[in-house]
PDB file of N, CA and C in Angstrom:
ATOM      1  N   MET A   1      95.591  81.137  90.298  1.00  0.00           N
ATOM      2  CA  MET A   1      95.502  80.713  88.917  1.00  0.00           C
ATOM      3  C   MET A   1      95.402  81.924  87.982  1.00  0.00           C
ATOM      4  N   PHE A   2      94.613  82.926  88.393  1.00  0.00           N
ATOM      5  CA  PHE A   2      94.450  84.126  87.575  1.00  0.00           C
ATOM      6  C   PHE A   2      95.777  84.874  87.459  1.00  0.00           C
ATOM      7  N   ARG A   3      96.549  84.885  88.547  1.00  0.00           N
ATOM      8  CA  ARG A   3      97.836  85.586  88.527  1.00  0.00           C
ATOM      9  C   ARG A   3      98.796  84.920  87.548  1.00  0.00           C
ATOM     10  N   LEU A   4      98.783  83.599  87.507  1.00  0.00           N
ATOM     11  CA  LEU A   4      99.652  82.869  86.580  1.00  0.00           C
ATOM     12  C   LEU A   4      99.252  83.158  85.141  1.00  0.00           C
ATOM     13  N   LEU A   5      97.957  83.158  84.874  1.00  0.00           N
ATOM     14  CA  LEU A   5      97.481  83.448  83.530  1.00  0.00           C
ATOM     15  C   LEU A   5      97.853  84.872  83.108  1.00  0.00           C
ATOM     16  N   ARG A   6      97.674  85.820  84.014  1.00  0.00           N
ATOM     17  CA  ARG A   6      98.022  87.203  83.724  1.00  0.00           C
ATOM     18  C   ARG A   6      99.530  87.335  83.474  1.00  0.00           C
ATOM     19  N   PHE A   7     100.342  86.645  84.293  1.00  0.00           N
ATOM     20  CA  PHE A   7     101.793  86.662  84.102  1.00  0.00           C
ATOM     21  C   PHE A   7     102.174  86.115  82.732  1.00  0.00           C
ATOM     22  N   LEU A   8     101.552  85.012  82.324  1.00  0.00           N
ATOM     23  CA  LEU A   8     101.854  84.426  81.020  1.00  0.00           C
ATOM     24  C   LEU A   8     101.448  85.355  79.875  1.00  0.00           C
ATOM     25  N   ILE A   9     100.324  86.059  80.045  1.00  0.00           N
ATOM     26  CA  ILE A   9      99.905  87.010  79.013  1.00  0.00           C
ATOM     27  C   ILE A   9     100.918  88.143  78.908  1.00  0.00           C
ATOM     28  N   TYR A  10     101.332  88.695  80.048  1.00  0.00           N
ATOM     29  CA  TYR A  10     102.335  89.768  80.031  1.00  0.00           C
ATOM     30  C   TYR A  10     103.655  89.285  79.442  1.00  0.00           C
ATOM     31  N   LEU A  11     104.062  88.081  79.792  1.00  0.00           N
ATOM     32  CA  LEU A  11     105.300  87.517  79.266  1.00  0.00           C
ATOM     33  C   LEU A  11     105.217  87.346  77.753  1.00  0.00           C
ATOM     34  N   GLY A  12     104.073  86.881  77.258  1.00  0.00           N
ATOM     35  CA  GLY A  12     103.872  86.742  75.818  1.00  0.00           C
ATOM     36  C   GLY A  12     103.901  88.095  75.114  1.00  0.00           C
ATOM     37  N   ALA A  13     103.269  89.113  75.736  1.00  0.00           N
ATOM     38  CA  ALA A  13     103.277  90.455  75.146  1.00  0.00           C
ATOM     39  C   ALA A  13     104.703  91.010  75.099  1.00  0.00           C
ATOM     40  N   LEU A  14     105.457  90.817  76.160  1.00  0.00           N
ATOM     41  CA  LEU A  14     106.849  91.268  76.176  1.00  0.00           C
ATOM     42  C   LEU A  14     107.668  90.553  75.109  1.00  0.00           C
ATOM     43  N   GLY A  15     107.473  89.247  74.993  1.00  0.00           N
ATOM     44  CA  GLY A  15     108.177  88.479  73.963  1.00  0.00           C
ATOM     45  C   GLY A  15     107.812  88.959  72.568  1.00  0.00           C
ATOM     46  N   GLY A  16     106.532  89.253  72.350  1.00  0.00           N
ATOM     47  CA  GLY A  16     106.100  89.772  71.051  1.00  0.00           C
ATOM     48  C   GLY A  16     106.719  91.123  70.747  1.00  0.00           C
ATOM     49  N   PHE A  17     106.793  91.991  71.745  1.00  0.00           N
ATOM     50  CA  PHE A  17     107.396  93.305  71.555  1.00  0.00           C
ATOM     51  C   PHE A  17     108.884  93.170  71.214  1.00  0.00           C
ATOM     52  N   VAL A  18     109.586  92.310  71.924  1.00  0.00           N
ATOM     53  CA  VAL A  18     111.019  92.115  71.659  1.00  0.00           C
ATOM     54  C   VAL A  18     111.219  91.531  70.265  1.00  0.00           C
ATOM     55  N   TRP A  19     110.390  90.538  69.903  1.00  0.00           N
ATOM     56  CA  TRP A  19     110.491  89.968  68.554  1.00  0.00           C
ATOM     57  C   TRP A  19     110.265  91.046  67.498  1.00  0.00           C
ATOM     58  N   PHE A  20     109.219  91.852  67.671  1.00  0.00           N
ATOM     59  CA  PHE A  20     108.912  92.924  66.734  1.00  0.00           C
ATOM     60  C   PHE A  20     110.067  93.908  66.652  1.00  0.00           C
ATOM     61  N   GLY A  21     110.601  94.317  67.811  1.00  0.00           N
ATOM     62  CA  GLY A  21     111.679  95.303  67.842  1.00  0.00           C
ATOM     63  C   GLY A  21     112.962  94.813  67.210  1.00  0.00           C
ATOM     64  N   LEU A  22     113.186  93.509  67.228  1.00  0.00           N
ATOM     65  CA  LEU A  22     114.435  92.956  66.684  1.00  0.00           C
ATOM     66  C   LEU A  22     114.334  92.524  65.229  1.00  0.00           C
ATOM     67  N   THR A  23     113.146  92.173  64.763  1.00  0.00           N
ATOM     68  CA  THR A  23     113.071  91.553  63.435  1.00  0.00           C
ATOM     69  C   THR A  23     112.314  92.364  62.391  1.00  0.00           C
ATOM     70  N   VAL A  24     111.315  93.127  62.767  1.00  0.00           N
ATOM     71  CA  VAL A  24     110.484  93.822  61.785  1.00  0.00           C
ATOM     72  C   VAL A  24     111.173  95.108  61.358  1.00  0.00           C
ATOM     73  N   GLU A  25     111.380  95.233  60.036  1.00  0.00           N
ATOM     74  CA  GLU A  25     112.040  96.413  59.488  1.00  0.00           C
ATOM     75  C   GLU A  25     111.040  97.565  59.404  1.00  0.00           C
ATOM     76  N   LEU A  26     111.425  98.710  59.938  1.00  0.00           N
ATOM     77  CA  LEU A  26     110.633  99.938  59.830  1.00  0.00           C
ATOM     78  C   LEU A  26     111.465 100.900  58.993  1.00  0.00           C
ATOM     79  N   GLY A  27     111.284 100.842  57.697  1.00  0.00           N
ATOM     80  CA  GLY A  27     112.176 101.593  56.812  1.00  0.00           C
ATOM     81  C   GLY A  27     113.428 100.762  56.598  1.00  0.00           C
ATOM     82  N   ASN A  28     114.568 101.351  56.881  1.00  0.00           N
ATOM     83  CA  ASN A  28     115.819 100.617  56.667  1.00  0.00           C
ATOM     84  C   ASN A  28     116.381 100.020  57.952  1.00  0.00           C
ATOM     85  N   ARG A  29     115.688 100.198  59.070  1.00  0.00           N
ATOM     86  CA  ARG A  29     116.164  99.662  60.354  1.00  0.00           C
ATOM     87  C   ARG A  29     114.998  99.069  61.136  1.00  0.00           C
ATOM     88  N   THR A  30     115.334  98.265  62.133  1.00  0.00           N
ATOM     89  CA  THR A  30     114.316  97.769  63.058  1.00  0.00           C
ATOM     90  C   THR A  30     114.033  98.845  64.100  1.00  0.00           C
ATOM     91  N   LEU A  31     113.023  98.606  64.925  1.00  0.00           N
ATOM     92  CA  LEU A  31     112.676  99.569  65.963  1.00  0.00           C
ATOM     93  C   LEU A  31     113.868  99.824  66.889  1.00  0.00           C
ATOM     94  N   PHE A  32     114.520  98.769  67.328  1.00  0.00           N
ATOM     95  CA  PHE A  32     115.655  98.936  68.233  1.00  0.00           C
ATOM     96  C   PHE A  32     116.847  99.577  67.525  1.00  0.00           C
ATOM     97  N   GLY A  33     116.971  99.358  66.207  1.00  0.00           N
ATOM     98  CA  GLY A  33     118.022 100.026  65.439  1.00  0.00           C
ATOM     99  C   GLY A  33     117.793 101.529  65.399  1.00  0.00           C
ATOM    100  N   HIS A  34     116.528 101.938  65.198  1.00  0.00           N
ATOM    101  CA  HIS A  34     116.205 103.368  65.222  1.00  0.00           C
ATOM    102  C   HIS A  34     116.498 103.971  66.601  1.00  0.00           C
ATOM    103  N   ILE A  35     116.104 103.277  67.646  1.00  0.00           N
ATOM    104  CA  ILE A  35     116.336 103.779  69.014  1.00  0.00           C
ATOM    105  C   ILE A  35     117.836 103.917  69.271  1.00  0.00           C
ATOM    106  N   ARG A  36     118.618 102.935  68.832  1.00  0.00           N
ATOM    107  CA  ARG A  36     120.071 102.999  69.029  1.00  0.00           C
ATOM    108  C   ARG A  36     120.668 104.200  68.303  1.00  0.00           C
ATOM    109  N   ASN A  37     120.213 104.447  67.083  1.00  0.00           N
ATOM    110  CA  ASN A  37     120.715 105.605  66.324  1.00  0.00           C
ATOM    111  C   ASN A  37     120.307 106.921  66.978  1.00  0.00           C
ATOM    112  N   ILE A  38     119.094 107.001  67.489  1.00  0.00           N
ATOM    113  CA  ILE A  38     118.658 108.217  68.178  1.00  0.00           C
ATOM    114  C   ILE A  38     119.518 108.469  69.407  1.00  0.00           C
ATOM    115  N   LEU A  39     119.796 107.415  70.174  1.00  0.00           N
ATOM    116  CA  LEU A  39     120.591 107.577  71.396  1.00  0.00           C
ATOM    117  C   LEU A  39     122.049 107.935  71.105  1.00  0.00           C
ATOM    118  N   ASN A  40     122.517 107.651  69.897  1.00  0.00           N
ATOM    119  CA  ASN A  40     123.909 107.958  69.536  1.00  0.00           C
ATOM    120  C   ASN A  40     124.084 109.332  68.919  1.00  0.00           C
ATOM    121  N   THR A  41     123.023 110.141  68.850  1.00  0.00           N
ATOM    122  CA  THR A  41     123.162 111.479  68.275  1.00  0.00           C
ATOM    123  C   THR A  41     123.802 112.423  69.287  1.00  0.00           C
ATOM    124  N   HIS A  42     124.360 113.507  68.760  1.00  0.00           N
ATOM    125  CA  HIS A  42     125.008 114.521  69.602  1.00  0.00           C
ATOM    126  C   HIS A  42     123.995 115.156  70.557  1.00  0.00           C
ATOM    127  N   GLU A  43     122.786 115.406  70.061  1.00  0.00           N
ATOM    128  CA  GLU A  43     121.768 116.055  70.884  1.00  0.00           C
ATOM    129  C   GLU A  43     121.366 115.198  72.076  1.00  0.00           C
ATOM    130  N   SER A  44     121.198 113.898  71.857  1.00  0.00           N
ATOM    131  CA  SER A  44     120.805 113.037  72.973  1.00  0.00           C
ATOM    132  C   SER A  44     121.938 112.910  73.992  1.00  0.00           C
ATOM    133  N   ARG A  45     123.184 112.913  73.523  1.00  0.00           N
ATOM    134  CA  ARG A  45     124.316 112.883  74.457  1.00  0.00           C
ATOM    135  C   ARG A  45     124.350 114.152  75.300  1.00  0.00           C
ATOM    136  N   ASP A  46     124.067 115.311  74.656  1.00  0.00           N
ATOM    137  CA  ASP A  46     123.989 116.573  75.405  1.00  0.00           C
ATOM    138  C   ASP A  46     122.871 116.521  76.443  1.00  0.00           C
ATOM    139  N   LEU A  47     121.744 115.951  76.053  1.00  0.00           N
ATOM    140  CA  LEU A  47     120.617 115.825  76.978  1.00  0.00           C
ATOM    141  C   LEU A  47     120.994 114.978  78.185  1.00  0.00           C
ATOM    142  N   VAL A  48     121.639 113.860  77.945  1.00  0.00           N
ATOM    143  CA  VAL A  48     122.048 112.976  79.046  1.00  0.00           C
ATOM    144  C   VAL A  48     123.070 113.684  79.937  1.00  0.00           C
ATOM    145  N   ARG A  49     124.056 114.344  79.330  1.00  0.00           N
ATOM    146  CA  ARG A  49     125.087 115.045  80.105  1.00  0.00           C
ATOM    147  C   ARG A  49     124.463 116.151  80.960  1.00  0.00           C
ATOM    148  N   GLY A  50     123.561 116.950  80.352  1.00  0.00           N
ATOM    149  CA  GLY A  50     122.903 118.026  81.088  1.00  0.00           C
ATOM    150  C   GLY A  50     122.044 117.509  82.227  1.00  0.00           C
ATOM    151  N   THR A  51     121.352 116.393  81.984  1.00  0.00           N
ATOM    152  CA  THR A  51     120.526 115.797  83.034  1.00  0.00           C
ATOM    153  C   THR A  51     121.389 115.315  84.186  1.00  0.00           C
ATOM    154  N   LYS A  52     122.515 114.684  83.870  1.00  0.00           N
ATOM    155  CA  LYS A  52     123.414 114.219  84.926  1.00  0.00           C
ATOM    156  C   LYS A  52     123.961 115.386  85.745  1.00  0.00           C
ATOM    157  N   ASP A  53     124.315 116.478  85.065  1.00  0.00           N
ATOM    158  CA  ASP A  53     124.822 117.658  85.780  1.00  0.00           C
ATOM    159  C   ASP A  53     123.764 118.223  86.724  1.00  0.00           C
ATOM    160  N   LYS A  54     122.544 118.384  86.220  1.00  0.00           N
ATOM    161  CA  LYS A  54     121.459 118.935  87.050  1.00  0.00           C
ATOM    162  C   LYS A  54     121.132 118.004  88.208  1.00  0.00           C
ATOM    163  N   MET A  55     121.088 116.714  87.931  1.00  0.00           N
ATOM    164  CA  MET A  55     120.783 115.759  88.990  1.00  0.00           C
ATOM    165  C   MET A  55     121.907 115.724  90.020  1.00  0.00           C
ATOM    166  N   GLY A  56     123.145 115.874  89.574  1.00  0.00           N
ATOM    167  CA  GLY A  56     124.268 115.918  90.510  1.00  0.00           C
ATOM    168  C   GLY A  56     124.143 117.103  91.450  1.00  0.00           C
ATOM    169  N   ASP A  57     123.767 118.274  90.888  1.00  0.00           N
ATOM    170  CA  ASP A  57     123.559 119.456  91.734  1.00  0.00           C
ATOM    171  C   ASP A  57     122.420 119.226  92.709  1.00  0.00           C
ATOM    172  N   LEU A  58     121.338 118.627  92.227  1.00  0.00           N
ATOM    173  CA  LEU A  58     120.188 118.358  93.084  1.00  0.00           C
ATOM    174  C   LEU A  58     120.552 117.399  94.212  1.00  0.00           C
ATOM    175  N   VAL A  59     121.297 116.360  93.881  1.00  0.00           N
ATOM    176  CA  VAL A  59     121.714 115.392  94.896  1.00  0.00           C
ATOM    177  C   VAL A  59     122.639 116.055  95.915  1.00  0.00           C
ATOM    178  N   ASP A  60     123.549 116.904  95.455  1.00  0.00           N
ATOM    179  CA  ASP A  60     124.449 117.605  96.377  1.00  0.00           C
ATOM    180  C   ASP A  60     123.666 118.494  97.337  1.00  0.00           C
ATOM    181  N   ARG A  61     122.703 119.245  96.806  1.00  0.00           N
ATOM    182  CA  ARG A  61     121.899 120.119  97.671  1.00  0.00           C
ATOM    183  C   ARG A  61     121.072 119.310  98.657  1.00  0.00           C
ATOM    184  N   ALA A  62     120.481 118.213  98.194  1.00  0.00           N
ATOM    185  CA  ALA A  62     119.679 117.380  99.087  1.00  0.00           C
ATOM    186  C   ALA A  62     120.556 116.751 100.171  1.00  0.00           C
ATOM    187  N   THR A  63     121.747 116.313  99.799  1.00  0.00           N
ATOM    188  CA  THR A  63     122.671 115.733 100.774  1.00  0.00           C
ATOM    189  C   THR A  63     123.058 116.759 101.830  1.00  0.00           C
ATOM    190  N   ASP A  64     123.329 117.998 101.401  1.00  0.00           N
ATOM    191  CA  ASP A  64     123.661 119.055 102.353  1.00  0.00           C
ATOM    192  C   ASP A  64     122.506 119.317 103.309  1.00  0.00           C
ATOM    193  N   LYS A  65     121.268 119.351 102.784  1.00  0.00           N
ATOM    194  CA  LYS A  65     120.114 119.592 103.645  1.00  0.00           C
ATOM    195  C   LYS A  65     119.921 118.466 104.645  1.00  0.00           C
ATOM    196  N   VAL A  66     120.106 117.237 104.201  1.00  0.00           N
ATOM    197  CA  VAL A  66     119.966 116.098 105.108  1.00  0.00           C
ATOM    198  C   VAL A  66     121.046 116.147 106.174  1.00  0.00           C
ATOM    199  N   ALA A  67     122.283 116.458 105.775  1.00  0.00           N
ATOM    200  CA  ALA A  67     123.379 116.532 106.736  1.00  0.00           C
ATOM    201  C   ALA A  67     123.118 117.625 107.772  1.00  0.00           C
ATOM    202  N   LYS A  68     122.594 118.764 107.329  1.00  0.00           N
ATOM    203  CA  LYS A  68     122.283 119.846 108.271  1.00  0.00           C
ATOM    204  C   LYS A  68     121.161 119.431 109.200  1.00  0.00           C
ATOM    205  N   GLY A  69     120.153 118.743 108.668  1.00  0.00           N
ATOM    206  CA  GLY A  69     119.043 118.276 109.499  1.00  0.00           C
ATOM    207  C   GLY A  69     119.489 117.251 110.519  1.00  0.00           C
ATOM    208  N   VAL A  70     120.381 116.365 110.129  1.00  0.00           N
ATOM    209  CA  VAL A  70     120.902 115.365 111.057  1.00  0.00           C
ATOM    210  C   VAL A  70     121.760 116.045 112.111  1.00  0.00           C
ATOM    211  N   ALA A  71     122.544 117.040 111.705  1.00  0.00           N
ATOM    212  CA  ALA A  71     123.413 117.736 112.648  1.00  0.00           C
ATOM    213  C   ALA A  71     122.583 118.488 113.697  1.00  0.00           C
ATOM    214  N   LYS A  72     121.405 118.978 113.318  1.00  0.00           N
ATOM    215  CA  LYS A  72     120.559 119.675 114.285  1.00  0.00           C
ATOM    216  C   LYS A  72     120.102 118.741 115.387  1.00  0.00           C
ATOM    217  N   GLY A  73     119.732 117.524 115.007  1.00  0.00           N
ATOM    218  CA  GLY A  73     119.213 116.580 115.983  1.00  0.00           C
ATOM    219  C   GLY A  73     120.265 115.696 116.609  1.00  0.00           C
ATOM    220  N   ALA A  74     121.521 115.881 116.246  1.00  0.00           N
ATOM    221  CA  ALA A  74     122.587 115.023 116.744  1.00  0.00           C
ATOM    222  C   ALA A  74     122.945 115.391 118.183  1.00  0.00           C
ATOM    223  N   PRO A  75     123.294 114.393 119.001  1.00  0.00           N
ATOM    224  CA  PRO A  75     123.750 114.691 120.354  1.00  0.00           C
ATOM    225  C   PRO A  75     125.088 115.419 120.327  1.00  0.00           C
ATOM    226  N   THR A  76     125.428 116.045 121.418  1.00  0.00           N
ATOM    227  CA  THR A  76     126.657 116.828 121.456  1.00  0.00           C
ATOM    228  C   THR A  76     127.898 115.957 121.420  1.00  0.00           C
ATOM    229  N   GLN A  77     127.827 114.719 121.935  1.00  0.00           N
ATOM    230  CA  GLN A  77     128.969 113.817 121.888  1.00  0.00           C
ATOM    231  C   GLN A  77     128.715 112.732 120.859  1.00  0.00           C
ATOM    232  N   ALA A  78     129.713 112.419 120.082  1.00  0.00           N
ATOM    233  CA  ALA A  78     129.587 111.330 119.116  1.00  0.00           C
ATOM    234  C   ALA A  78     129.831 110.020 119.831  1.00  0.00           C
ATOM    235  N   HIS A  79     129.001 109.035 119.555  1.00  0.00           N
ATOM    236  CA  HIS A  79     129.161 107.714 120.165  1.00  0.00           C
ATOM    237  C   HIS A  79     129.678 106.751 119.109  1.00  0.00           C
ATOM    238  N   THR A  80     130.985 106.681 118.965  1.00  0.00           N
ATOM    239  CA  THR A  80     131.567 105.759 118.011  1.00  0.00           C
ATOM    240  C   THR A  80     132.461 104.792 118.750  1.00  0.00           C
ATOM    241  N   GLY A  81     132.311 103.535 118.424  1.00  0.00           N
ATOM    242  CA  GLY A  81     133.179 102.528 119.004  1.00  0.00           C
ATOM    243  C   GLY A  81     133.034 102.403 120.514  1.00  0.00           C
ATOM    244  N   GLY A  82     131.895 102.771 121.072  1.00  0.00           N
ATOM    245  CA  GLY A  82     131.665 102.624 122.491  1.00  0.00           C
ATOM    246  C   GLY A  82     132.191 103.768 123.326  1.00  0.00           C
ATOM    247  N   GLU A  83     132.746 104.798 122.705  1.00  0.00           N
ATOM    248  CA  GLU A  83     133.245 105.930 123.474  1.00  0.00           C
ATOM    249  C   GLU A  83     132.082 106.690 124.085  1.00  0.00           C
ATOM    250  N   GLY A  84     132.218 107.130 125.295  1.00  0.00           N
ATOM    251  CA  GLY A  84     131.207 107.949 125.932  1.00  0.00           C
ATOM    252  C   GLY A  84     130.039 107.157 126.483  1.00  0.00           C
ATOM    253  N   LEU A  85     130.066 105.829 126.351  1.00  0.00           N
ATOM    254  CA  LEU A  85     128.987 105.023 126.899  1.00  0.00           C
ATOM    255  C   LEU A  85     129.192 104.848 128.389  1.00  0.00           C
ATOM    256  N   SER A  86     128.128 104.539 129.064  1.00  0.00           N
ATOM    257  CA  SER A  86     128.187 104.381 130.511  1.00  0.00           C
ATOM    258  C   SER A  86     129.105 103.226 130.879  1.00  0.00           C
ATOM    259  N   GLU A  87     129.986 103.453 131.845  1.00  0.00           N
ATOM    260  CA  GLU A  87     130.908 102.417 132.306  1.00  0.00           C
ATOM    261  C   GLU A  87     130.243 101.507 133.331  1.00  0.00           C
ATOM    262  N   ASP A  88     129.123 101.936 133.888  1.00  0.00           N
ATOM    263  CA  ASP A  88     128.434 101.183 134.933  1.00  0.00           C
ATOM    264  C   ASP A  88     127.666 100.024 134.299  1.00  0.00           C
ATOM    265  N   PRO A  89     128.087  98.753 134.563  1.00  0.00           N
ATOM    266  CA  PRO A  89     127.397  97.629 133.950  1.00  0.00           C
ATOM    267  C   PRO A  89     125.986  97.445 134.502  1.00  0.00           C
ATOM    268  N   GLY A  90     125.674  98.042 135.636  1.00  0.00           N
ATOM    269  CA  GLY A  90     124.360  97.892 136.228  1.00  0.00           C
ATOM    270  C   GLY A  90     123.377  98.952 135.782  1.00  0.00           C
ATOM    271  N   SER A  91     123.759  99.846 134.871  1.00  0.00           N
ATOM    272  CA  SER A  91     122.842 100.902 134.449  1.00  0.00           C
ATOM    273  C   SER A  91     121.729 100.317 133.585  1.00  0.00           C
ATOM    274  N   ALA A  92     120.626 101.019 133.509  1.00  0.00           N
ATOM    275  CA  ALA A  92     119.460 100.552 132.762  1.00  0.00           C
ATOM    276  C   ALA A  92     119.766 100.553 131.263  1.00  0.00           C
ATOM    277  N   PRO A  93     119.233  99.580 130.535  1.00  0.00           N
ATOM    278  CA  PRO A  93     119.461  99.556 129.094  1.00  0.00           C
ATOM    279  C   PRO A  93     118.743 100.724 128.413  1.00  0.00           C
ATOM    280  N   MET A  94     119.202 101.056 127.222  1.00  0.00           N
ATOM    281  CA  MET A  94     118.599 102.169 126.500  1.00  0.00           C
ATOM    282  C   MET A  94     117.189 101.834 126.020  1.00  0.00           C
ATOM    283  N   GLU A  95     116.899 100.553 125.765  1.00  0.00           N
ATOM    284  CA  GLU A  95     115.558 100.139 125.390  1.00  0.00           C
ATOM    285  C   GLU A  95     115.296  98.759 125.956  1.00  0.00           C
ATOM    286  N   GLU A  96     114.047  98.457 126.149  1.00  0.00           N
ATOM    287  CA  GLU A  96     113.674  97.156 126.695  1.00  0.00           C
ATOM    288  C   GLU A  96     113.634  96.117 125.586  1.00  0.00           C
ATOM    289  N   ILE A  97     114.179  94.943 125.880  1.00  0.00           N
ATOM    290  CA  ILE A  97     114.159  93.842 124.936  1.00  0.00           C
ATOM    291  C   ILE A  97     113.297  92.753 125.539  1.00  0.00           C
ATOM    292  N   GLY A  98     112.311  92.304 124.788  1.00  0.00           N
ATOM    293  CA  GLY A  98     111.400  91.275 125.263  1.00  0.00           C
ATOM    294  C   GLY A  98     112.062  89.918 125.343  1.00  0.00           C
ATOM    295  N   ASP A  99     111.421  88.991 126.076  1.00  0.00           N
ATOM    296  CA  ASP A  99     111.965  87.646 126.238  1.00  0.00           C
ATOM    297  C   ASP A  99     112.070  86.912 124.902  1.00  0.00           C
ATOM    298  N   LYS A 100     111.091  87.124 124.024  1.00  0.00           N
ATOM    299  CA  LYS A 100     111.111  86.459 122.724  1.00  0.00           C
ATOM    300  C   LYS A 100     112.319  86.926 121.910  1.00  0.00           C
ATOM    301  N   ASP A 101     112.562  88.233 121.886  1.00  0.00           N
ATOM    302  CA  ASP A 101     113.712  88.766 121.147  1.00  0.00           C
ATOM    303  C   ASP A 101     115.022  88.329 121.780  1.00  0.00           C
ATOM    304  N   ARG A 102     115.056  88.303 123.106  1.00  0.00           N
ATOM    305  CA  ARG A 102     116.269  87.897 123.817  1.00  0.00           C
ATOM    306  C   ARG A 102     116.630  86.444 123.489  1.00  0.00           C
ATOM    307  N   SER A 103     115.628  85.545 123.474  1.00  0.00           N
ATOM    308  CA  SER A 103     115.914  84.142 123.163  1.00  0.00           C
ATOM    309  C   SER A 103     116.311  83.983 121.690  1.00  0.00           C
ATOM    310  N   ALA A 104     115.717  84.778 120.803  1.00  0.00           N
ATOM    311  CA  ALA A 104     116.106  84.709 119.390  1.00  0.00           C
ATOM    312  C   ALA A 104     117.554  85.162 119.216  1.00  0.00           C
ATOM    313  N   LEU A 105     117.951  86.218 119.919  1.00  0.00           N
ATOM    314  CA  LEU A 105     119.338  86.687 119.846  1.00  0.00           C
ATOM    315  C   LEU A 105     120.300  85.640 120.391  1.00  0.00           C
ATOM    316  N   ARG A 106     119.929  84.983 121.483  1.00  0.00           N
ATOM    317  CA  ARG A 106     120.790  83.922 122.035  1.00  0.00           C
ATOM    318  C   ARG A 106     120.984  82.809 121.029  1.00  0.00           C
ATOM    319  N   GLY A 107     119.882  82.436 120.310  1.00  0.00           N
ATOM    320  CA  GLY A 107     119.975  81.384 119.299  1.00  0.00           C
ATOM    321  C   GLY A 107     120.923  81.781 118.173  1.00  0.00           C
ATOM    322  N   ILE A 108     120.847  83.025 117.749  1.00  0.00           N
ATOM    323  CA  ILE A 108     121.723  83.500 116.682  1.00  0.00           C
ATOM    324  C   ILE A 108     123.178  83.464 117.133  1.00  0.00           C
ATOM    325  N   ILE A 109     123.421  83.897 118.356  1.00  0.00           N
ATOM    326  CA  ILE A 109     124.785  83.918 118.892  1.00  0.00           C
ATOM    327  C   ILE A 109     125.324  82.504 119.016  1.00  0.00           C
ATOM    328  N   GLU A 110     124.509  81.589 119.530  1.00  0.00           N
ATOM    329  CA  GLU A 110     124.961  80.207 119.695  1.00  0.00           C
ATOM    330  C   GLU A 110     125.266  79.544 118.358  1.00  0.00           C
ATOM    331  N   ARG A 111     124.422  79.810 117.343  1.00  0.00           N
ATOM    332  CA  ARG A 111     124.685  79.243 116.019  1.00  0.00           C
ATOM    333  C   ARG A 111     125.972  79.830 115.416  1.00  0.00           C
ATOM    334  N   GLY A 112     126.261  81.071 115.714  1.00  0.00           N
ATOM    335  CA  GLY A 112     127.459  81.704 115.197  1.00  0.00           C
ATOM    336  C   GLY A 112     128.716  81.184 115.867  1.00  0.00           C
ATOM    337  N   MET A 113     128.571  80.682 117.087  1.00  0.00           N
ATOM    338  CA  MET A 113     129.752  80.188 117.828  1.00  0.00           C
ATOM    339  C   MET A 113     130.049  78.741 117.521  1.00  0.00           C
ATOM    340  N   GLU A 114     129.121  78.029 116.886  1.00  0.00           N
ATOM    341  CA  GLU A 114     129.375  76.642 116.538  1.00  0.00           C
ATOM    342  C   GLU A 114     130.457  76.568 115.472  1.00  0.00           C
ATOM    343  N   LYS A 115     131.329  75.572 115.608  1.00  0.00           N
ATOM    344  CA  LYS A 115     132.399  75.398 114.634  1.00  0.00           C
ATOM    345  C   LYS A 115     131.849  74.683 113.397  1.00  0.00           C
ATOM    346  N   PRO A 116     132.208  75.165 112.222  1.00  0.00           N
ATOM    347  CA  PRO A 116     131.772  74.475 110.993  1.00  0.00           C
ATOM    348  C   PRO A 116     132.420  73.117 110.878  1.00  0.00           C
ATOM    349  N   ARG A 117     131.696  72.202 110.279  1.00  0.00           N
ATOM    350  CA  ARG A 117     132.212  70.831 110.172  1.00  0.00           C
ATOM    351  C   ARG A 117     132.872  70.604 108.852  1.00  0.00           C
TER     352      ARG A 117
END
């Protein structure tokens, strides 16, 4: 009950803020009108462009570091599409699957094989 009351209070506050921002004149514009004009200035566009450039460099460097870290721990053979896997059907599985998980997987497979009506 308290969570619902708190949610309604927050919703009312948000509604009040939006109403204020759209209707109350602060000088010759509303609050959202001032914000829109600020965002359309040359300086703010430069700020956004510069931030995107810096973040792009940061993301590129982080991606390179992650790729190098993954390459360090990667096995020597790539296992894609079943290549390099053991051909012996009697070999031990890579991990143990419990009976509960095994029955859940069977249920999923059986439901997937049923024909839609």
